[in-house]
Amino acid sequence: MPALPMQTRSMKRTPRVRKLPRGATLVMALIALLILMIGAAAIVRSMNISMSNTGNLSFKRDLTNQAERAASSVMTMLQSGAISSETARQTSLTSSNYSATILPTNAQGIPTALLATDAAFGAAWNTANDIAVADQAITVRWVLDRLCANTGAADESHCTMYDAGTTSSDSASQRNSAQNASATGLGALQRQVVYRLSIRATGPRNTQSFLQTTFTL
């Protein structure tokens, strides 16, 4: 009998799946969960800080607007109040929070009187001039000083003066011409003393804003 052909059968090898040691999968899952928790905590903290900063900025912006109350009060006092006359402004009047001489300041130019405690400020100035906005928990405190080294009549020798007939953009020659015209009677150049209004506005969360402006009458 003829020999039957031999049938060959290919054997496919199944790749072995390497199994992790028992418990390793759980450890890796816990590590991944820990990383996610740390990331979530960092995001929440960042959001809280951003919200807090946004709130503080909004408070400061509102305090800037509230400080206008002090400017209005001071202008009224200068026009019809206790320091409305030139003679009255030649001496300090603490009951009106006014100093005829320049006040000491810190490195940022803020009068140290506004940085003092309520008790220290009340001992030297009049806290009755504070402007309180009770429904918004806001208090506005201010001081006004004349930029002069000495009391008495304002004079160029000891006061900061401003040429009413010139502007800061005028050249030196223009200012000299204006002064010469005034000296010869051809012009009416008036030199006025400079006053400085410093305001501290305190609001919620003890947020504080300091504002300052200089002006002439």
C-alpha atoms as a PDB file:
ATOM      1  CA  MET A   1       0.000   0.000   0.000  1.00  0.00           C
ATOM      2  CA  PRO A   2       1.300   3.429  -0.808  1.00  0.00           C
ATOM      3  CA  ALA A   3       2.430   5.456   2.171  1.00  0.00           C
ATOM      4  CA  LEU A   4      -0.038   8.151   3.276  1.00  0.00           C
ATOM      5  CA  PRO A   5       1.316  11.717   3.175  1.00  0.00           C
ATOM      6  CA  MET A   6       2.153  13.046   6.549  1.00  0.00           C
ATOM      7  CA  GLN A   7       0.154  16.083   7.610  1.00  0.00           C
ATOM      8  CA  THR A   8       2.041  18.742   9.425  1.00  0.00           C
ATOM      9  CA  ARG A   9       0.292  20.960  11.927  1.00  0.00           C
ATOM     10  CA  SER A  10       1.760  24.313  12.789  1.00  0.00           C
ATOM     11  CA  MET A  11       1.826  25.142  16.423  1.00  0.00           C
ATOM     12  CA  LYS A  12       1.086  28.781  17.278  1.00  0.00           C
ATOM     13  CA  ARG A  13       2.633  30.050  20.384  1.00  0.00           C
ATOM     14  CA  THR A  14       0.424  32.203  22.549  1.00  0.00           C
ATOM     15  CA  PRO A  15       2.345  35.081  24.105  1.00  0.00           C
ATOM     16  CA  ARG A  16       2.481  34.871  27.789  1.00  0.00           C
ATOM     17  CA  VAL A  17       0.925  37.756  29.679  1.00  0.00           C
ATOM     18  CA  ARG A  18       3.246  38.896  32.331  1.00  0.00           C
ATOM     19  CA  LYS A  19       1.287  39.182  35.489  1.00  0.00           C
ATOM     20  CA  LEU A  20       2.117  41.821  37.994  1.00  0.00           C
ATOM     21  CA  PRO A  21       2.804  40.711  41.486  1.00  0.00           C
ATOM     22  CA  ARG A  22      -0.217  40.598  43.658  1.00  0.00           C
ATOM     23  CA  GLY A  23      -1.057  44.013  45.167  1.00  0.00           C
ATOM     24  CA  ALA A  24       1.063  46.066  42.716  1.00  0.00           C
ATOM     25  CA  THR A  25      -2.005  47.199  40.743  1.00  0.00           C
ATOM     26  CA  LEU A  26      -3.623  48.521  43.884  1.00  0.00           C
ATOM     27  CA  VAL A  27      -0.480  50.458  44.826  1.00  0.00           C
ATOM     28  CA  MET A  28      -0.287  52.081  41.392  1.00  0.00           C
ATOM     29  CA  ALA A  29      -3.979  53.023  41.543  1.00  0.00           C
ATOM     30  CA  LEU A  30      -3.474  54.635  44.952  1.00  0.00           C
ATOM     31  CA  ILE A  31      -0.509  56.626  43.663  1.00  0.00           C
ATOM     32  CA  ALA A  32      -2.526  57.877  40.683  1.00  0.00           C
ATOM     33  CA  LEU A  33      -5.391  58.816  42.985  1.00  0.00           C
ATOM     34  CA  LEU A  34      -2.998  60.708  45.259  1.00  0.00           C
ATOM     35  CA  ILE A  35      -1.627  62.684  42.317  1.00  0.00           C
ATOM     36  CA  LEU A  36      -5.156  63.595  41.219  1.00  0.00           C
ATOM     37  CA  MET A  37      -6.051  64.714  44.742  1.00  0.00           C
ATOM     38  CA  ILE A  38      -2.948  66.927  44.969  1.00  0.00           C
ATOM     39  CA  GLY A  39      -3.783  68.491  41.603  1.00  0.00           C
ATOM     40  CA  ALA A  40      -7.392  69.124  42.628  1.00  0.00           C
ATOM     41  CA  ALA A  41      -6.287  70.712  45.908  1.00  0.00           C
ATOM     42  CA  ALA A  42      -3.867  72.999  44.031  1.00  0.00           C
ATOM     43  CA  ILE A  43      -6.634  74.089  41.644  1.00  0.00           C
ATOM     44  CA  VAL A  44      -9.040  74.826  44.497  1.00  0.00           C
ATOM     45  CA  ARG A  45      -6.374  76.825  46.349  1.00  0.00           C
ATOM     46  CA  SER A  46      -5.539  78.795  43.220  1.00  0.00           C
ATOM     47  CA  MET A  47      -9.220  79.616  42.682  1.00  0.00           C
ATOM     48  CA  ASN A  48      -9.617  80.753  46.295  1.00  0.00           C
ATOM     49  CA  ILE A  49      -6.575  83.039  46.014  1.00  0.00           C
ATOM     50  CA  SER A  50      -7.846  84.472  42.725  1.00  0.00           C
ATOM     51  CA  MET A  51     -11.283  85.138  44.199  1.00  0.00           C
ATOM     52  CA  SER A  52      -9.738  86.780  47.260  1.00  0.00           C
ATOM     53  CA  ASN A  53      -7.514  89.022  45.114  1.00  0.00           C
ATOM     54  CA  THR A  54     -10.463  89.958  42.935  1.00  0.00           C
ATOM     55  CA  GLY A  55     -12.480  90.866  46.011  1.00  0.00           C
ATOM     56  CA  ASN A  56      -9.660  93.001  47.413  1.00  0.00           C
ATOM     57  CA  LEU A  57      -9.272  94.827  44.089  1.00  0.00           C
ATOM     58  CA  SER A  58     -12.989  95.567  43.981  1.00  0.00           C
ATOM     59  CA  PHE A  59     -12.808  96.873  47.564  1.00  0.00           C
ATOM     60  CA  LYS A  60      -9.919  99.161  46.676  1.00  0.00           C
ATOM     61  CA  ARG A  61     -11.721 100.497  43.625  1.00  0.00           C
ATOM     62  CA  ASP A  62     -14.772 101.249  45.718  1.00  0.00           C
ATOM     63  CA  LEU A  63     -12.627 102.913  48.384  1.00  0.00           C
ATOM     64  CA  THR A  64     -11.132 105.171  45.733  1.00  0.00           C
ATOM     65  CA  ASN A  65     -14.622 106.342  44.840  1.00  0.00           C
ATOM     66  CA  GLN A  66     -15.585 106.757  48.499  1.00  0.00           C
ATOM     67  CA  ALA A  67     -12.528 108.956  49.106  1.00  0.00           C
ATOM     68  CA  GLU A  68     -14.146 111.638  46.961  1.00  0.00           C
ATOM     69  CA  ARG A  69     -16.346 112.364  49.975  1.00  0.00           C
ATOM     70  CA  ALA A  70     -13.305 113.767  51.792  1.00  0.00           C
ATOM     71  CA  ALA A  71     -12.331 115.978  48.852  1.00  0.00           C
ATOM     72  CA  SER A  72     -15.813 117.464  48.777  1.00  0.00           C
ATOM     73  CA  SER A  73     -15.767 118.075  52.533  1.00  0.00           C
ATOM     74  CA  VAL A  74     -12.363 119.787  52.399  1.00  0.00           C
ATOM     75  CA  MET A  75     -13.387 122.037  49.506  1.00  0.00           C
ATOM     76  CA  THR A  76     -16.438 123.153  51.475  1.00  0.00           C
ATOM     77  CA  MET A  77     -14.251 123.888  54.507  1.00  0.00           C
ATOM     78  CA  LEU A  78     -11.857 125.969  52.395  1.00  0.00           C
ATOM     79  CA  GLN A  79     -14.640 127.942  50.764  1.00  0.00           C
ATOM     80  CA  SER A  80     -16.929 128.662  53.688  1.00  0.00           C
ATOM     81  CA  GLY A  81     -15.538 126.885  56.744  1.00  0.00           C
ATOM     82  CA  ALA A  82     -13.029 127.559  59.489  1.00  0.00           C
ATOM     83  CA  ILE A  83     -10.058 127.828  57.090  1.00  0.00           C
ATOM     84  CA  SER A  84     -11.772 129.770  54.329  1.00  0.00           C
ATOM     85  CA  SER A  85      -9.666 132.924  54.832  1.00  0.00           C
ATOM     86  CA  GLU A  86      -5.993 133.401  54.044  1.00  0.00           C
ATOM     87  CA  THR A  87      -5.364 134.611  57.580  1.00  0.00           C
ATOM     88  CA  ALA A  88      -6.900 131.482  59.103  1.00  0.00           C
ATOM     89  CA  ARG A  89      -4.717 129.277  56.917  1.00  0.00           C
ATOM     90  CA  GLN A  90      -1.519 130.898  58.189  1.00  0.00           C
ATOM     91  CA  THR A  91      -1.709 128.886  61.419  1.00  0.00           C
ATOM     92  CA  SER A  92      -2.469 125.231  62.007  1.00  0.00           C
ATOM     93  CA  LEU A  93      -5.976 124.256  63.030  1.00  0.00           C
ATOM     94  CA  THR A  94      -6.080 120.668  64.253  1.00  0.00           C
ATOM     95  CA  SER A  95      -9.829 120.812  64.848  1.00  0.00           C
ATOM     96  CA  SER A  96     -10.153 121.068  61.063  1.00  0.00           C
ATOM     97  CA  ASN A  97      -7.325 118.537  60.420  1.00  0.00           C
ATOM     98  CA  TYR A  98      -5.309 121.367  58.871  1.00  0.00           C
ATOM     99  CA  SER A  99      -1.589 122.045  59.214  1.00  0.00           C
ATOM    100  CA  ALA A 100      -0.046 125.326  58.062  1.00  0.00           C
ATOM    101  CA  THR A 101       3.305 123.546  57.651  1.00  0.00           C
ATOM    102  CA  ILE A 102       4.210 120.448  55.705  1.00  0.00           C
ATOM    103  CA  LEU A 103       3.550 117.223  57.610  1.00  0.00           C
ATOM    104  CA  PRO A 104       6.175 114.509  58.076  1.00  0.00           C
ATOM    105  CA  THR A 105       5.720 111.549  55.762  1.00  0.00           C
ATOM    106  CA  ASN A 106       7.029 108.030  55.242  1.00  0.00           C
ATOM    107  CA  ALA A 107       9.118 106.910  52.280  1.00  0.00           C
ATOM    108  CA  GLN A 108       6.002 106.668  50.102  1.00  0.00           C
ATOM    109  CA  GLY A 109       4.957 110.245  50.850  1.00  0.00           C
ATOM    110  CA  ILE A 110       2.036 109.326  53.110  1.00  0.00           C
ATOM    111  CA  PRO A 111       1.727 111.578  56.182  1.00  0.00           C
ATOM    112  CA  THR A 112       2.578 109.593  59.282  1.00  0.00           C
ATOM    113  CA  ALA A 113      -0.553 110.987  60.934  1.00  0.00           C
ATOM    114  CA  LEU A 114      -2.674 108.748  58.710  1.00  0.00           C
ATOM    115  CA  LEU A 115      -0.573 105.730  59.656  1.00  0.00           C
ATOM    116  CA  ALA A 116      -1.074 106.231  63.398  1.00  0.00           C
ATOM    117  CA  THR A 117      -3.557 104.303  65.509  1.00  0.00           C
ATOM    118  CA  ASP A 118      -7.002 105.723  66.211  1.00  0.00           C
ATOM    119  CA  ALA A 119      -5.936 106.713  69.715  1.00  0.00           C
ATOM    120  CA  ALA A 120      -2.766 108.469  68.526  1.00  0.00           C
ATOM    121  CA  PHE A 121      -4.604 110.219  65.722  1.00  0.00           C
ATOM    122  CA  GLY A 122      -7.377 111.346  68.059  1.00  0.00           C
ATOM    123  CA  ALA A 123      -4.838 112.826  70.463  1.00  0.00           C
ATOM    124  CA  ALA A 124      -3.415 115.133  67.774  1.00  0.00           C
ATOM    125  CA  TRP A 125      -6.282 115.616  65.332  1.00  0.00           C
ATOM    126  CA  ASN A 126     -10.063 115.697  65.246  1.00  0.00           C
ATOM    127  CA  THR A 127     -11.639 112.298  64.578  1.00  0.00           C
ATOM    128  CA  ALA A 128     -15.022 114.014  64.289  1.00  0.00           C
ATOM    129  CA  ASN A 129     -13.955 114.925  60.751  1.00  0.00           C
ATOM    130  CA  ASP A 130     -13.860 111.228  59.814  1.00  0.00           C
ATOM    131  CA  ILE A 131     -16.489 110.321  57.266  1.00  0.00           C
ATOM    132  CA  ALA A 132     -18.246 107.039  58.107  1.00  0.00           C
ATOM    133  CA  VAL A 133     -20.358 105.092  55.630  1.00  0.00           C
ATOM    134  CA  ALA A 134     -21.995 102.775  58.150  1.00  0.00           C
ATOM    135  CA  ASP A 135     -23.989 100.612  55.743  1.00  0.00           C
ATOM    136  CA  GLN A 136     -20.798  99.779  53.828  1.00  0.00           C
ATOM    137  CA  ALA A 137     -18.379  99.565  56.792  1.00  0.00           C
ATOM    138  CA  ILE A 138     -16.198 102.302  55.292  1.00  0.00           C
ATOM    139  CA  THR A 139     -14.356 105.089  57.115  1.00  0.00           C
ATOM    140  CA  VAL A 140     -12.603 107.960  55.338  1.00  0.00           C
ATOM    141  CA  ARG A 141      -9.930 109.914  57.236  1.00  0.00           C
ATOM    142  CA  TRP A 142      -7.963 112.874  55.904  1.00  0.00           C
ATOM    143  CA  VAL A 143      -5.438 115.585  56.713  1.00  0.00           C
ATOM    144  CA  LEU A 144      -4.701 118.804  54.845  1.00  0.00           C
ATOM    145  CA  ASP A 145      -1.328 120.527  54.963  1.00  0.00           C
ATOM    146  CA  ARG A 146       0.138 123.646  53.414  1.00  0.00           C
ATOM    147  CA  LEU A 147       3.471 122.945  51.723  1.00  0.00           C
ATOM    148  CA  CYS A 148       5.368 125.536  53.752  1.00  0.00           C
ATOM    149  CA  ALA A 149       8.268 125.141  56.138  1.00  0.00           C
ATOM    150  CA  ASN A 150       6.959 127.815  58.504  1.00  0.00           C
ATOM    151  CA  THR A 151       3.658 129.268  59.618  1.00  0.00           C
ATOM    152  CA  GLY A 152       2.604 132.803  58.760  1.00  0.00           C
ATOM    153  CA  ALA A 153       2.058 134.419  55.385  1.00  0.00           C
ATOM    154  CA  ALA A 154       2.932 132.261  52.399  1.00  0.00           C
ATOM    155  CA  ASP A 155       6.207 133.274  50.797  1.00  0.00           C
ATOM    156  CA  GLU A 156       8.533 131.805  48.182  1.00  0.00           C
ATOM    157  CA  SER A 157      11.321 131.630  50.727  1.00  0.00           C
ATOM    158  CA  HIS A 158       9.649 128.829  52.685  1.00  0.00           C
ATOM    159  CA  CYS A 159       6.641 127.653  50.649  1.00  0.00           C
ATOM    160  CA  THR A 160       6.081 125.653  47.486  1.00  0.00           C
ATOM    161  CA  MET A 161       4.470 128.113  45.114  1.00  0.00           C
ATOM    162  CA  TYR A 162       2.745 127.687  41.773  1.00  0.00           C
ATOM    163  CA  ASP A 163       2.681 130.178  38.913  1.00  0.00           C
ATOM    164  CA  ALA A 164      -0.985 130.638  38.074  1.00  0.00           C
ATOM    165  CA  GLY A 165      -0.058 132.195  34.745  1.00  0.00           C
ATOM    166  CA  THR A 166       2.073 129.282  33.526  1.00  0.00           C
ATOM    167  CA  THR A 167       1.714 125.536  33.247  1.00  0.00           C
ATOM    168  CA  SER A 168       4.065 122.632  33.844  1.00  0.00           C
ATOM    169  CA  SER A 169       4.448 122.215  30.066  1.00  0.00           C
ATOM    170  CA  ASP A 170       5.750 125.775  29.584  1.00  0.00           C
ATOM    171  CA  SER A 171       9.452 126.199  28.903  1.00  0.00           C
ATOM    172  CA  ALA A 172      11.797 128.096  31.174  1.00  0.00           C
ATOM    173  CA  SER A 173      11.877 131.024  28.769  1.00  0.00           C
ATOM    174  CA  GLN A 174       8.078 131.201  28.774  1.00  0.00           C
ATOM    175  CA  ARG A 175       8.011 131.300  32.555  1.00  0.00           C
ATOM    176  CA  ASN A 176      10.702 134.004  32.668  1.00  0.00           C
ATOM    177  CA  SER A 177       8.770 136.054  30.142  1.00  0.00           C
ATOM    178  CA  ALA A 178       5.611 135.728  32.217  1.00  0.00           C
ATOM    179  CA  GLN A 179       7.455 136.793  35.355  1.00  0.00           C
ATOM    180  CA  ASN A 180       9.038 139.786  33.582  1.00  0.00           C
ATOM    181  CA  ALA A 181       5.657 140.834  32.229  1.00  0.00           C
ATOM    182  CA  SER A 182       4.197 140.637  35.713  1.00  0.00           C
ATOM    183  CA  ALA A 183       7.065 142.667  37.167  1.00  0.00           C
ATOM    184  CA  THR A 184       6.645 145.474  34.600  1.00  0.00           C
ATOM    185  CA  GLY A 185       2.901 145.614  35.041  1.00  0.00           C
ATOM    186  CA  LEU A 186       2.184 144.040  31.634  1.00  0.00           C
ATOM    187  CA  GLY A 187       0.748 140.870  33.101  1.00  0.00           C
ATOM    188  CA  ALA A 188      -1.121 139.633  36.137  1.00  0.00           C
ATOM    189  CA  LEU A 189       0.948 136.639  37.194  1.00  0.00           C
ATOM    190  CA  GLN A 190      -0.103 135.314  40.600  1.00  0.00           C
ATOM    191  CA  ARG A 191       1.982 132.886  42.573  1.00  0.00           C
ATOM    192  CA  GLN A 192      -0.145 130.709  44.825  1.00  0.00           C
ATOM    193  CA  VAL A 193       0.814 128.401  47.656  1.00  0.00           C
ATOM    194  CA  VAL A 194       0.284 124.658  47.151  1.00  0.00           C
ATOM    195  CA  TYR A 195      -1.862 122.587  49.497  1.00  0.00           C
ATOM    196  CA  ARG A 196      -1.788 118.801  49.849  1.00  0.00           C
ATOM    197  CA  LEU A 197      -4.778 116.639  50.708  1.00  0.00           C
ATOM    198  CA  SER A 198      -4.015 113.108  51.929  1.00  0.00           C
ATOM    199  CA  ILE A 199      -6.820 110.598  52.398  1.00  0.00           C
ATOM    200  CA  ARG A 200      -7.004 107.147  53.977  1.00  0.00           C
ATOM    201  CA  ALA A 201     -10.071 105.064  53.211  1.00  0.00           C
ATOM    202  CA  THR A 202     -10.624 101.913  55.280  1.00  0.00           C
ATOM    203  CA  GLY A 203     -13.174  99.307  54.230  1.00  0.00           C
ATOM    204  CA  PRO A 204     -14.213  95.678  54.803  1.00  0.00           C
ATOM    205  CA  ARG A 205     -11.507  93.111  55.612  1.00  0.00           C
ATOM    206  CA  ASN A 206      -9.453  96.080  56.857  1.00  0.00           C
ATOM    207  CA  THR A 207      -8.713  96.988  53.242  1.00  0.00           C
ATOM    208  CA  GLN A 208      -7.027 100.399  53.032  1.00  0.00           C
ATOM    209  CA  SER A 209      -6.432 102.818  50.187  1.00  0.00           C
ATOM    210  CA  PHE A 210      -4.334 105.964  50.373  1.00  0.00           C
ATOM    211  CA  LEU A 211      -4.966 108.818  47.979  1.00  0.00           C
ATOM    212  CA  GLN A 212      -3.250 112.161  47.647  1.00  0.00           C
ATOM    213  CA  THR A 213      -3.630 115.298  45.578  1.00  0.00           C
ATOM    214  CA  THR A 214      -2.120 118.785  45.510  1.00  0.00           C
ATOM    215  CA  PHE A 215      -3.938 121.955  44.506  1.00  0.00           C
ATOM    216  CA  THR A 216      -4.012 125.715  44.765  1.00  0.00           C
ATOM    217  CA  LEU A 217      -6.882 128.018  45.649  1.00  0.00           C
END
